Structure formats: C-alpha cells, structure tokens
Amino acid sequence: CLREKPAKDILAAQAGYDWGPVVGGAFLPAQPKDAYENGGAARVPVLNGANSDEGTLFAFARFDGAGAPLTAEQYPGAVIDAYGPDLGGRVLTAYPLTDHASPTHAFGAATGDRMFACTALRLNAALAHRGPVYAYEFADRTSPPFASLRELDTDFDFGATHVNEVQYLFKHFGLDSPLDREQRALARQMVRYWGSFIRTGVPRADGGPAAPDQRTRPGQLLSLRTASEGGTGISDTVHDAHRCGLWDAVPAG
C-alpha cells in the first residue's frame, strides 16, 4: 500500500511514472477520438491550437536539463532510438541539424510536430465535421520561459514551447510573468479572443483578424505573434512548416 511507503520513495519513483485519463465509467465513457468519429461527441464550438515549439521543453528535459546536452554525434542515434530505423531515417532527413539551433532543438522540433502541431491539425479536421472549429498557433518565440523554467536559471532558448502561452492568458501559478510591452499587447489580444469565444462561441478581437472556421477554411489558423514578429495574422503554412506530410502517415501511438 502506498500509505506505508516513505515520502522519499514516492518522490524517487514519480519521475518515471506516466499518467493519463482513464477511459470507462461515467466521466469519460469512451475514447474522445472514437466519440468524434461515431457521432457521440457534443456539437459545440471548439477553439483548438498548439505552440510553434511545443517539443523543445521535452527535449530539454531529456537532454540538457538532465545534464547531458545532445551532441551532433549523438543526434542520429537518439532519433533512431526514438523512432526506429525506417521512420528515424525519414525524421533525420526532415530535421537536419543545419535547420536548428542545436541537436536538442532539432530533436524537440520533431517531438513537438508529431505530438502536438500535426495532431492538432488532424483533430481540427475531424471536429469540423461536427461544428465550428477555430484554430490557432501561439508563435511568440521571444516569450519568456514559464515560471517553473525560470526557476532553473538557464539561458536555453525554449522559444514558444509547451505551456508558454498560458502566462499570456492567466497568472501561471499565480505569478506575474516578465512580459515586455509588445508581449503584454499580445496577451491583451489573446484574452480578447478567448473571452469572446467563451461569451459567444466565436473568437474575435478588435483590431485582430477573424479566426478562420475550419469548416470553410481548413488548415488556416490564427498565428499569434508580437508586433515585431509581424503581429497576429492568418497562416496557411503550418502543415508544411511542421512536416505534417511525414507525421500524418505515421500511425498514432
């Protein structure tokens, strides 16, 4: 029984424990994917998206954050270990080191594209058969690391990584984030989009472009950026930018 275990044993074991929702019962009776496909999902408006550098956080935690930054020599082996020889070879071709700031960033790009960016686009397409779907990508690559990462006091460049958008909408862990003037303006715009969606089911923001509805404009989405990065606009290049032609052909799992 866990009650009999000392706290230090629980803490030592938790890092290797993965978790997720349990399917079955009244709360989550079916896999969401199955519900979308068989007509069991509610017909409600959806606002869905991802961050442009989702996987950087996970690659950092695996390598640099663990005290072992991935080297150029280790990169091919790490990719093959993660994806197998066939898919791994295609990943190495799609994510050459010359396109990225470091081997860790290259590994993170592949991770984020497979787990988040391309998955979000596929989900948008599936949900669009049932009702309005509004898509976005948080793309402020100058965003400060979120609170937990700031405590690490590292100069690693996380870009627009996993969770970084949360501090533009809420106080992350109740803490103020060190957003600069342009980032605060982007935060206000994002709050308007999200607030409008909550109130009306349609994300709108004065002075910002209308969010594309995936039923009529599939693959187009709001690209949320600061003024210096061109400002928030509509992007139709996310599928190609995240190598989704590769990942869409890979079975889920």
Protein backbone atom coordinates (compact mmCIF):
# COMPACT_ATOMS: atom_id res chain seq x y z
CA CYS A 1 0.00 0.00 0.00
CA LEU A 2 1.31 3.45 -0.87
CA ARG A 3 0.32 4.71 2.59
CA GLU A 4 3.08 2.57 4.06
CA LYS A 5 5.79 3.94 1.76
CA PRO A 6 8.06 6.75 2.97
CA ALA A 7 7.72 10.04 1.09
CA LYS A 8 11.27 9.78 -0.27
CA ASP A 9 10.41 6.52 -2.07
CA ILE A 10 7.32 8.07 -3.67
CA LEU A 11 9.29 11.12 -4.82
CA ALA A 12 12.06 8.93 -6.24
CA ALA A 13 9.56 6.89 -8.27
CA GLN A 14 7.36 9.66 -9.62
CA ALA A 15 9.71 10.86 -12.38
CA GLY A 16 9.35 7.58 -14.26
CA TYR A 17 5.57 7.41 -13.92
CA ASP A 18 3.42 8.46 -16.83
CA TRP A 19 -0.25 9.28 -16.42
CA GLY A 20 -3.32 9.97 -18.46
CA PRO A 21 -7.10 9.89 -18.25
CA VAL A 22 -8.77 6.53 -17.59
CA VAL A 23 -11.38 5.65 -20.19
CA GLY A 24 -14.53 3.95 -18.94
CA GLY A 25 -17.25 4.85 -16.50
CA ALA A 26 -19.46 7.91 -16.32
CA PHE A 27 -16.79 10.63 -16.50
CA LEU A 28 -15.02 9.52 -19.72
CA PRO A 29 -17.03 6.63 -21.15
CA ALA A 30 -15.18 6.43 -24.48
CA GLN A 31 -12.00 7.50 -26.19
CA PRO A 32 -12.53 11.07 -27.47
CA LYS A 33 -11.31 10.03 -30.93
CA ASP A 34 -13.95 7.29 -31.09
CA ALA A 35 -16.65 9.70 -29.92
CA TYR A 36 -15.75 12.18 -32.67
CA GLU A 37 -15.82 9.50 -35.33
CA ASN A 38 -19.03 7.71 -34.29
CA GLY A 39 -21.10 10.82 -33.62
CA GLY A 40 -21.07 10.65 -29.84
CA ALA A 41 -19.29 13.96 -29.24
CA ALA A 42 -21.22 17.10 -28.36
CA ARG A 43 -21.83 19.52 -31.22
CA VAL A 44 -20.26 22.60 -29.66
CA PRO A 45 -17.85 25.26 -30.99
CA VAL A 46 -14.18 24.43 -30.44
CA LEU A 47 -11.09 26.61 -30.06
CA ASN A 48 -8.02 24.43 -30.51
CA GLY A 49 -4.35 25.01 -31.17
CA ALA A 50 -0.73 24.39 -30.28
CA ASN A 51 2.52 26.27 -29.78
CA SER A 52 5.13 26.52 -32.51
CA ASP A 53 7.90 24.97 -30.37
CA GLU A 54 5.94 22.55 -28.17
CA GLY A 55 8.59 19.85 -28.12
CA THR A 56 11.54 21.99 -27.03
CA LEU A 57 10.54 21.66 -23.38
CA PHE A 58 10.51 17.86 -23.54
CA ALA A 59 13.81 17.64 -25.42
CA PHE A 60 15.42 19.98 -22.89
CA ALA A 61 14.16 17.85 -20.00
CA ARG A 62 15.51 14.71 -21.65
CA PHE A 63 18.94 16.06 -22.52
CA ASP A 64 20.18 19.48 -21.37
CA GLY A 65 18.04 19.59 -18.26
CA ALA A 66 19.39 16.19 -17.26
CA GLY A 67 22.95 17.46 -17.59
CA ALA A 68 23.65 15.73 -20.90
CA PRO A 69 23.07 18.08 -23.86
CA LEU A 70 22.54 16.17 -27.08
CA THR A 71 25.57 16.40 -29.38
CA ALA A 72 25.70 16.32 -33.16
CA GLU A 73 27.35 12.90 -32.99
CA GLN A 74 24.61 11.55 -30.73
CA TYR A 75 21.71 13.04 -32.67
CA PRO A 76 21.26 10.31 -35.32
CA GLY A 77 21.33 7.57 -32.70
CA ALA A 78 18.86 9.39 -30.46
CA VAL A 79 16.43 9.79 -33.36
CA ILE A 80 16.75 6.15 -34.44
CA ASP A 81 16.23 5.03 -30.82
CA ALA A 82 13.09 7.16 -30.60
CA TYR A 83 11.50 6.31 -33.94
CA GLY A 84 13.12 3.13 -35.22
CA PRO A 85 15.37 2.74 -38.27
CA ASP A 86 12.78 3.32 -41.01
CA LEU A 87 10.87 6.30 -39.60
CA GLY A 88 14.01 7.54 -37.86
CA GLY A 89 15.79 7.83 -41.20
CA ARG A 90 12.98 9.95 -42.58
CA VAL A 91 12.99 12.10 -39.45
CA LEU A 92 16.72 12.74 -39.84
CA THR A 93 16.11 13.88 -43.41
CA ALA A 94 13.20 16.13 -42.37
CA TYR A 95 15.02 17.65 -39.38
CA PRO A 96 18.65 18.26 -40.38
CA LEU A 97 20.86 19.88 -37.77
CA THR A 98 21.57 22.76 -40.14
CA ASP A 99 17.96 23.92 -39.70
CA HIS A 100 18.12 24.15 -35.90
CA ALA A 101 19.99 25.96 -33.16
CA SER A 102 21.24 22.73 -31.57
CA PRO A 103 20.70 18.96 -31.71
CA THR A 104 18.34 19.30 -28.75
CA HIS A 105 16.26 21.83 -30.67
CA ALA A 106 16.14 19.55 -33.72
CA PHE A 107 15.01 16.62 -31.59
CA GLY A 108 12.45 18.86 -29.91
CA ALA A 109 11.07 20.07 -33.23
CA ALA A 110 10.33 16.50 -34.30
CA THR A 111 8.80 15.72 -30.91
CA GLY A 112 6.53 18.75 -30.95
CA ASP A 113 5.43 18.31 -34.54
CA ARG A 114 4.43 14.69 -34.02
CA MET A 115 2.83 15.05 -30.59
CA PHE A 116 1.19 18.47 -30.87
CA ALA A 117 1.24 20.50 -34.09
CA CYS A 118 0.16 17.85 -36.58
CA THR A 119 -2.12 16.14 -34.08
CA ALA A 120 -3.93 19.46 -33.52
CA LEU A 121 -4.44 19.93 -37.26
CA ARG A 122 -5.86 16.42 -37.64
CA LEU A 123 -8.17 16.98 -34.67
CA ASN A 124 -9.37 20.25 -36.19
CA ALA A 125 -10.28 18.44 -39.40
CA ALA A 126 -12.12 15.69 -37.53
CA LEU A 127 -14.09 18.11 -35.36
CA ALA A 128 -15.00 20.36 -38.29
CA HIS A 129 -17.43 17.70 -39.47
CA ARG A 130 -19.47 18.35 -36.32
CA GLY A 131 -19.46 22.12 -35.91
CA PRO A 132 -17.39 25.33 -35.80
CA VAL A 133 -13.67 24.85 -35.13
CA TYR A 134 -11.34 27.82 -34.69
CA ALA A 135 -7.63 27.12 -34.83
CA TYR A 136 -4.58 29.00 -33.62
CA GLU A 137 -0.83 28.67 -33.18
CA PHE A 138 0.96 30.53 -30.42
CA ALA A 139 4.13 31.65 -32.20
CA ASP A 140 5.83 34.21 -29.96
CA ARG A 141 9.29 32.68 -29.97
CA THR A 142 10.55 35.57 -27.82
CA SER A 143 8.19 34.60 -24.98
CA PRO A 144 9.81 34.24 -21.55
CA PRO A 145 10.02 30.71 -20.17
CA PHE A 146 7.11 29.90 -17.89
CA ALA A 147 7.51 30.08 -14.11
CA SER A 148 8.93 26.59 -13.49
CA LEU A 149 11.58 27.04 -16.17
CA ARG A 150 12.58 30.48 -14.94
CA GLU A 151 13.47 28.90 -11.62
CA LEU A 152 16.11 26.81 -13.41
CA ASP A 153 18.04 29.98 -14.26
CA THR A 154 19.11 28.62 -17.65
CA ASP A 155 19.88 30.54 -20.83
CA PHE A 156 18.48 27.74 -23.00
CA ASP A 157 16.23 29.16 -25.75
CA PHE A 158 12.83 27.49 -25.37
CA GLY A 159 11.03 29.57 -28.00
CA ALA A 160 7.24 29.24 -28.00
CA THR A 161 7.33 26.00 -26.09
CA HIS A 162 4.75 23.92 -24.26
CA VAL A 163 2.78 25.90 -21.61
CA ASN A 164 4.37 29.26 -22.56
CA GLU A 165 1.07 30.62 -23.87
CA VAL A 166 -0.64 30.12 -20.50
CA GLN A 167 1.15 33.11 -18.96
CA TYR A 168 -0.39 35.32 -21.67
CA LEU A 169 -3.88 34.35 -20.51
CA PHE A 170 -3.54 33.76 -16.77
CA LYS A 171 -1.10 34.25 -13.94
CA HIS A 172 0.86 31.00 -14.17
CA PHE A 173 0.99 29.55 -10.63
CA GLY A 174 -0.35 32.92 -9.51
CA LEU A 175 2.85 34.66 -10.58
CA ASP A 176 3.32 37.66 -12.85
CA SER A 177 5.42 36.89 -15.93
CA PRO A 178 8.14 39.22 -17.23
CA LEU A 179 6.33 40.15 -20.44
CA ASP A 180 7.64 43.17 -22.31
CA ARG A 181 5.41 45.88 -23.83
CA GLU A 182 4.72 44.04 -27.08
CA GLN A 183 4.09 40.77 -25.27
CA ARG A 184 1.61 42.46 -22.93
CA ALA A 185 -0.20 43.79 -26.01
CA LEU A 186 -0.32 40.27 -27.44
CA ALA A 187 -1.57 38.98 -24.09
CA ARG A 188 -4.42 41.50 -24.12
CA GLN A 189 -5.32 40.48 -27.65
CA MET A 190 -5.32 36.79 -26.72
CA VAL A 191 -7.54 37.45 -23.70
CA ARG A 192 -10.00 39.23 -26.02
CA TYR A 193 -10.03 36.28 -28.43
CA TRP A 194 -10.51 33.74 -25.63
CA GLY A 195 -13.06 35.90 -23.82
CA SER A 196 -15.09 36.39 -26.97
CA PHE A 197 -15.10 32.65 -27.58
CA ILE A 198 -16.33 31.99 -24.04
CA ARG A 199 -19.10 34.57 -24.38
CA THR A 200 -20.26 33.98 -27.93
CA GLY A 201 -18.66 30.81 -29.28
CA VAL A 202 -16.66 32.84 -31.82
CA PRO A 203 -13.14 34.18 -31.04
CA ARG A 204 -12.92 37.86 -32.00
CA ALA A 205 -10.57 40.69 -31.02
CA ASP A 206 -10.81 44.33 -32.04
CA GLY A 207 -8.03 45.10 -34.50
CA GLY A 208 -7.20 41.42 -34.99
CA PRO A 209 -8.08 39.15 -37.89
CA ALA A 210 -11.14 36.93 -37.71
CA ALA A 211 -10.28 33.41 -36.63
CA PRO A 212 -10.72 31.02 -39.58
CA ASP A 213 -13.50 28.45 -39.22
CA GLN A 214 -12.05 25.09 -40.23
CA ARG A 215 -15.32 24.09 -41.89
CA THR A 216 -14.78 26.68 -44.63
CA ARG A 217 -11.05 27.47 -44.34
CA PRO A 218 -9.36 24.19 -43.44
CA GLY A 219 -5.71 24.43 -42.49
CA GLN A 220 -5.79 28.19 -41.95
CA LEU A 221 -5.33 29.47 -38.43
CA LEU A 222 -4.53 32.45 -36.24
CA SER A 223 -0.77 32.88 -35.86
CA LEU A 224 -0.36 34.71 -32.54
CA ARG A 225 2.72 36.93 -32.69
CA THR A 226 4.06 40.20 -31.30
CA ALA A 227 4.21 43.34 -33.44
CA SER A 228 7.95 42.94 -34.04
CA GLU A 229 7.29 39.46 -35.42
CA GLY A 230 4.68 40.80 -37.82
CA GLY A 231 1.71 40.77 -35.47
CA THR A 232 -1.12 38.29 -35.29
CA GLY A 233 -2.19 37.15 -38.72
CA ILE A 234 -3.59 34.23 -40.68
CA SER A 235 -1.24 31.39 -41.59
CA ASP A 236 -1.80 28.60 -44.07
CA THR A 237 1.73 27.18 -43.88
CA VAL A 238 1.59 25.40 -40.51
CA HIS A 239 1.04 21.95 -42.04
CA ASP A 240 4.20 22.19 -44.13
CA ALA A 241 6.23 24.06 -41.51
CA HIS A 242 5.69 21.22 -39.05
CA ARG A 243 6.41 18.43 -41.56
CA CYS A 244 2.88 17.08 -41.21
CA GLY A 245 3.15 15.29 -44.53
CA LEU A 246 5.57 12.98 -42.71
CA TRP A 247 3.67 12.67 -39.44
CA ASP A 248 0.19 12.25 -40.91
CA ALA A 249 1.36 8.98 -42.46
CA VAL A 250 2.61 7.62 -39.12
CA PRO A 251 0.14 5.53 -37.07
CA ALA A 252 -0.88 7.17 -33.80
CA GLY A 253 0.72 5.87 -30.64
